[in-house]
Amino acid sequence: MATYKELFDLRTDPLLRQRVGVACTVAAETIRLENPATANHANRLLWAAAVYNDPSTEALRMHVALLAQDVPFTVAQITGVSDAVMLAAVLVLVDTFATGV
């Protein structure tokens, strides 16, 4: 289990942040192509546009949210997560940020 100190330190891990940023971009493209009947689609498109306009800011927001979910895992598990699992975690959190605000 990662300690709060370890999770705090992972906020500035450059490789992890880059991977989250790429996952956000892939998620944004997935949302751009999704069925317009998808729940919350309009707000999801706004989030996707925000990712394309300012990927660093949106990646940081997502990075922090992902770390909050990673408390039960070790640092090695967090940093060693596969790209597919990271993308799935980002897609689960999208609606948290896709509020239209």
N, C-alpha and C. Protein backbone atom coordinates (compact mmCIF):
# COMPACT_ATOMS: atom_id res chain seq x y z
N MET A 1 0.85 -1.18 0.00
CA MET A 1 0.00 0.00 0.00
C MET A 1 0.89 1.24 0.00
N ALA A 2 0.66 2.14 -0.93
CA ALA A 2 1.45 3.37 -1.01
C ALA A 2 1.07 4.30 0.15
N THR A 3 2.07 4.91 0.71
CA THR A 3 1.81 5.90 1.76
C THR A 3 1.39 7.22 1.11
N TYR A 4 0.81 8.09 1.90
CA TYR A 4 0.45 9.41 1.37
C TYR A 4 1.69 10.14 0.87
N LYS A 5 2.79 9.99 1.56
CA LYS A 5 4.05 10.63 1.13
C LYS A 5 4.46 10.11 -0.24
N GLU A 6 4.37 8.80 -0.42
CA GLU A 6 4.74 8.21 -1.71
C GLU A 6 3.80 8.69 -2.81
N LEU A 7 2.50 8.74 -2.51
CA LEU A 7 1.55 9.24 -3.50
C LEU A 7 1.83 10.70 -3.83
N PHE A 8 2.15 11.48 -2.81
CA PHE A 8 2.49 12.89 -3.05
C PHE A 8 3.70 13.00 -3.96
N ASP A 9 4.72 12.20 -3.70
CA ASP A 9 5.92 12.22 -4.53
C ASP A 9 5.64 11.79 -5.97
N LEU A 10 4.69 10.88 -6.16
CA LEU A 10 4.34 10.43 -7.51
C LEU A 10 3.65 11.52 -8.32
N ARG A 11 3.14 12.55 -7.65
CA ARG A 11 2.50 13.65 -8.39
C ARG A 11 3.49 14.33 -9.32
N THR A 12 4.77 14.30 -8.99
CA THR A 12 5.78 14.97 -9.82
C THR A 12 6.64 13.99 -10.61
N ASP A 13 6.25 12.71 -10.62
CA ASP A 13 7.00 11.73 -11.40
C ASP A 13 6.79 12.03 -12.88
N PRO A 14 7.85 12.43 -13.60
CA PRO A 14 7.67 12.88 -14.98
C PRO A 14 7.17 11.79 -15.93
N LEU A 15 7.67 10.57 -15.78
CA LEU A 15 7.23 9.50 -16.68
C LEU A 15 5.77 9.15 -16.43
N LEU A 16 5.38 9.06 -15.17
CA LEU A 16 3.99 8.75 -14.86
C LEU A 16 3.07 9.85 -15.38
N ARG A 17 3.47 11.10 -15.20
CA ARG A 17 2.64 12.21 -15.69
C ARG A 17 2.53 12.18 -17.22
N GLN A 18 3.62 11.85 -17.90
CA GLN A 18 3.57 11.75 -19.36
C GLN A 18 2.63 10.64 -19.80
N ARG A 19 2.69 9.52 -19.11
CA ARG A 19 1.81 8.40 -19.46
C ARG A 19 0.34 8.75 -19.23
N VAL A 20 0.05 9.44 -18.15
CA VAL A 20 -1.32 9.88 -17.88
C VAL A 20 -1.76 10.84 -18.99
N GLY A 21 -0.86 11.74 -19.40
CA GLY A 21 -1.18 12.69 -20.47
C GLY A 21 -1.52 11.99 -21.77
N VAL A 22 -0.76 10.97 -22.11
CA VAL A 22 -1.05 10.22 -23.33
C VAL A 22 -2.38 9.47 -23.18
N ALA A 23 -2.62 8.90 -22.02
CA ALA A 23 -3.89 8.21 -21.78
C ALA A 23 -5.06 9.18 -21.90
N CYS A 24 -4.90 10.40 -21.42
CA CYS A 24 -5.95 11.41 -21.56
C CYS A 24 -6.20 11.72 -23.03
N THR A 25 -5.14 11.84 -23.81
CA THR A 25 -5.28 12.14 -25.23
C THR A 25 -5.97 10.99 -25.97
N VAL A 26 -5.59 9.78 -25.65
CA VAL A 26 -6.24 8.61 -26.26
C VAL A 26 -7.71 8.56 -25.85
N ALA A 27 -7.98 8.85 -24.58
CA ALA A 27 -9.37 8.88 -24.10
C ALA A 27 -10.16 9.97 -24.83
N ALA A 28 -9.55 11.12 -25.04
CA ALA A 28 -10.23 12.21 -25.75
C ALA A 28 -10.59 11.79 -27.16
N GLU A 29 -9.70 11.09 -27.82
CA GLU A 29 -9.99 10.61 -29.18
C GLU A 29 -11.09 9.55 -29.16
N THR A 30 -11.06 8.69 -28.17
CA THR A 30 -12.11 7.68 -28.01
C THR A 30 -13.46 8.35 -27.84
N ILE A 31 -13.51 9.40 -27.04
CA ILE A 31 -14.75 10.14 -26.80
C ILE A 31 -15.20 10.86 -28.07
N ARG A 32 -14.26 11.43 -28.80
CA ARG A 32 -14.61 12.13 -30.04
C ARG A 32 -15.32 11.18 -31.01
N LEU A 33 -14.94 9.92 -30.99
CA LEU A 33 -15.49 8.93 -31.92
C LEU A 33 -16.67 8.13 -31.35
N GLU A 34 -17.01 8.37 -30.07
CA GLU A 34 -18.05 7.56 -29.46
C GLU A 34 -19.43 7.91 -30.00
N ASN A 35 -20.36 7.04 -29.76
CA ASN A 35 -21.75 7.23 -30.17
C ASN A 35 -22.32 8.47 -29.48
N PRO A 36 -22.92 9.37 -30.24
CA PRO A 36 -23.51 10.57 -29.63
C PRO A 36 -24.60 10.26 -28.60
N ALA A 37 -25.13 9.05 -28.61
CA ALA A 37 -26.13 8.66 -27.62
C ALA A 37 -25.52 8.26 -26.28
N THR A 38 -24.19 8.24 -26.21
CA THR A 38 -23.51 7.92 -24.95
C THR A 38 -23.92 8.91 -23.87
N ALA A 39 -24.18 8.41 -22.69
CA ALA A 39 -24.55 9.30 -21.58
C ALA A 39 -23.50 10.38 -21.38
N ASN A 40 -23.95 11.60 -21.19
CA ASN A 40 -23.08 12.75 -20.92
C ASN A 40 -22.17 13.10 -22.11
N HIS A 41 -22.57 12.69 -23.29
CA HIS A 41 -21.70 12.86 -24.47
C HIS A 41 -21.29 14.31 -24.72
N ALA A 42 -22.21 15.24 -24.61
CA ALA A 42 -21.88 16.65 -24.89
C ALA A 42 -20.79 17.14 -23.94
N ASN A 43 -20.91 16.83 -22.65
CA ASN A 43 -19.89 17.25 -21.70
C ASN A 43 -18.59 16.49 -21.89
N ARG A 44 -18.69 15.24 -22.29
CA ARG A 44 -17.49 14.46 -22.56
C ARG A 44 -16.72 15.05 -23.74
N LEU A 45 -17.46 15.53 -24.75
CA LEU A 45 -16.81 16.20 -25.88
C LEU A 45 -16.12 17.49 -25.43
N LEU A 46 -16.74 18.21 -24.51
CA LEU A 46 -16.10 19.42 -23.98
C LEU A 46 -14.80 19.07 -23.26
N TRP A 47 -14.83 17.99 -22.49
CA TRP A 47 -13.60 17.55 -21.81
C TRP A 47 -12.54 17.16 -22.83
N ALA A 48 -12.94 16.42 -23.85
CA ALA A 48 -11.99 16.02 -24.89
C ALA A 48 -11.37 17.25 -25.55
N ALA A 49 -12.18 18.25 -25.83
CA ALA A 49 -11.66 19.48 -26.42
C ALA A 49 -10.68 20.16 -25.47
N ALA A 50 -10.97 20.13 -24.17
CA ALA A 50 -10.06 20.71 -23.18
C ALA A 50 -8.72 19.98 -23.19
N VAL A 51 -8.77 18.67 -23.35
CA VAL A 51 -7.53 17.88 -23.43
C VAL A 51 -6.72 18.29 -24.65
N TYR A 52 -7.39 18.43 -25.79
CA TYR A 52 -6.69 18.82 -27.01
C TYR A 52 -6.14 20.24 -26.91
N ASN A 53 -6.87 21.12 -26.23
CA ASN A 53 -6.44 22.52 -26.11
C ASN A 53 -5.33 22.72 -25.10
N ASP A 54 -5.35 21.96 -24.01
CA ASP A 54 -4.36 22.14 -22.95
C ASP A 54 -4.09 20.79 -22.28
N PRO A 55 -3.39 19.91 -22.98
CA PRO A 55 -3.20 18.56 -22.46
C PRO A 55 -2.47 18.51 -21.11
N SER A 56 -1.56 19.42 -20.88
CA SER A 56 -0.81 19.40 -19.62
C SER A 56 -1.71 19.64 -18.41
N THR A 57 -2.60 20.62 -18.52
CA THR A 57 -3.49 20.93 -17.40
C THR A 57 -4.45 19.78 -17.13
N GLU A 58 -5.05 19.25 -18.19
CA GLU A 58 -6.01 18.16 -17.99
C GLU A 58 -5.30 16.90 -17.50
N ALA A 59 -4.09 16.66 -17.97
CA ALA A 59 -3.33 15.50 -17.50
C ALA A 59 -3.00 15.63 -16.02
N LEU A 60 -2.64 16.82 -15.58
CA LEU A 60 -2.34 17.02 -14.16
C LEU A 60 -3.57 16.76 -13.31
N ARG A 61 -4.72 17.28 -13.74
CA ARG A 61 -5.95 17.06 -12.99
C ARG A 61 -6.26 15.56 -12.90
N MET A 62 -6.13 14.88 -14.01
CA MET A 62 -6.41 13.44 -14.04
C MET A 62 -5.38 12.68 -13.22
N HIS A 63 -4.13 13.09 -13.31
CA HIS A 63 -3.05 12.43 -12.57
C HIS A 63 -3.34 12.44 -11.08
N VAL A 64 -3.74 13.58 -10.56
CA VAL A 64 -4.04 13.70 -9.14
C VAL A 64 -5.22 12.80 -8.76
N ALA A 65 -6.25 12.77 -9.60
CA ALA A 65 -7.42 11.93 -9.33
C ALA A 65 -7.05 10.44 -9.37
N LEU A 66 -6.21 10.07 -10.32
CA LEU A 66 -5.79 8.68 -10.40
C LEU A 66 -5.00 8.27 -9.16
N LEU A 67 -4.13 9.14 -8.69
CA LEU A 67 -3.34 8.83 -7.50
C LEU A 67 -4.24 8.65 -6.28
N ALA A 68 -5.31 9.40 -6.20
CA ALA A 68 -6.23 9.26 -5.08
C ALA A 68 -6.86 7.86 -5.08
N GLN A 69 -7.02 7.28 -6.25
CA GLN A 69 -7.58 5.93 -6.35
C GLN A 69 -6.53 4.85 -6.11
N ASP A 70 -5.27 5.22 -6.15
CA ASP A 70 -4.19 4.23 -6.09
C ASP A 70 -3.71 3.91 -4.68
N VAL A 71 -4.39 4.38 -3.68
CA VAL A 71 -3.95 4.16 -2.29
C VAL A 71 -3.74 2.68 -1.98
N PRO A 72 -4.58 1.76 -2.45
CA PRO A 72 -4.37 0.36 -2.08
C PRO A 72 -3.17 -0.31 -2.76
N PHE A 73 -2.54 0.38 -3.69
CA PHE A 73 -1.46 -0.23 -4.47
C PHE A 73 -0.09 0.26 -4.00
N THR A 74 0.93 -0.51 -4.32
CA THR A 74 2.30 -0.10 -4.01
C THR A 74 2.80 0.85 -5.10
N VAL A 75 3.89 1.53 -4.82
CA VAL A 75 4.49 2.42 -5.82
C VAL A 75 4.86 1.62 -7.06
N ALA A 76 5.42 0.43 -6.87
CA ALA A 76 5.81 -0.40 -8.02
C ALA A 76 4.60 -0.78 -8.86
N GLN A 77 3.48 -1.07 -8.22
CA GLN A 77 2.27 -1.40 -8.97
C GLN A 77 1.74 -0.18 -9.73
N ILE A 78 1.81 0.98 -9.10
CA ILE A 78 1.32 2.21 -9.73
C ILE A 78 2.18 2.57 -10.93
N THR A 79 3.48 2.58 -10.75
CA THR A 79 4.37 2.98 -11.84
C THR A 79 4.49 1.91 -12.91
N GLY A 80 4.16 0.66 -12.57
CA GLY A 80 4.27 -0.43 -13.52
C GLY A 80 2.98 -0.80 -14.21
N VAL A 81 1.94 -0.01 -13.99
CA VAL A 81 0.64 -0.33 -14.58
C VAL A 81 0.74 -0.32 -16.11
N SER A 82 0.02 -1.22 -16.74
CA SER A 82 0.05 -1.28 -18.20
C SER A 82 -0.68 -0.07 -18.80
N ASP A 83 -0.37 0.21 -20.04
CA ASP A 83 -1.05 1.31 -20.74
C ASP A 83 -2.56 1.06 -20.80
N ALA A 84 -2.95 -0.18 -21.05
CA ALA A 84 -4.37 -0.50 -21.16
C ALA A 84 -5.11 -0.25 -19.84
N VAL A 85 -4.50 -0.63 -18.74
CA VAL A 85 -5.13 -0.42 -17.44
C VAL A 85 -5.20 1.07 -17.14
N MET A 86 -4.15 1.81 -17.47
CA MET A 86 -4.17 3.25 -17.24
C MET A 86 -5.27 3.92 -18.06
N LEU A 87 -5.38 3.55 -19.32
CA LEU A 87 -6.44 4.12 -20.16
C LEU A 87 -7.81 3.80 -19.58
N ALA A 88 -8.01 2.58 -19.14
CA ALA A 88 -9.29 2.19 -18.56
C ALA A 88 -9.59 3.03 -17.32
N ALA A 89 -8.59 3.28 -16.49
CA ALA A 89 -8.78 4.09 -15.29
C ALA A 89 -9.14 5.53 -15.66
N VAL A 90 -8.49 6.06 -16.69
CA VAL A 90 -8.80 7.42 -17.15
C VAL A 90 -10.23 7.47 -17.66
N LEU A 91 -10.62 6.50 -18.46
CA LEU A 91 -11.98 6.50 -19.01
C LEU A 91 -13.04 6.41 -17.92
N VAL A 92 -12.74 5.71 -16.84
CA VAL A 92 -13.67 5.63 -15.71
C VAL A 92 -13.84 6.99 -15.06
N LEU A 93 -12.78 7.78 -15.02
CA LEU A 93 -12.82 9.08 -14.35
C LEU A 93 -13.29 10.24 -15.23
N VAL A 94 -13.41 10.02 -16.52
CA VAL A 94 -13.73 11.12 -17.43
C VAL A 94 -14.96 11.89 -16.98
N ASP A 95 -16.03 11.20 -16.62
CA ASP A 95 -17.26 11.90 -16.26
C ASP A 95 -17.11 12.74 -14.99
N THR A 96 -16.12 12.46 -14.19
CA THR A 96 -15.83 13.31 -13.02
C THR A 96 -15.44 14.71 -13.48
N PHE A 97 -14.74 14.78 -14.60
CA PHE A 97 -14.27 16.07 -15.13
C PHE A 97 -15.16 16.61 -16.24
N ALA A 98 -15.95 15.76 -16.85
CA ALA A 98 -16.80 16.17 -17.97
C ALA A 98 -18.13 16.72 -17.43
N THR A 99 -18.03 17.91 -16.88
CA THR A 99 -19.21 18.52 -16.23
C THR A 99 -19.76 19.70 -17.02
N GLY A 100 -19.09 20.07 -18.09
CA GLY A 100 -19.54 21.21 -18.88
C GLY A 100 -19.16 22.55 -18.30
N VAL A 101 -18.39 22.54 -17.23
CA VAL A 101 -17.98 23.79 -16.58
C VAL A 101 -16.63 24.22 -17.12
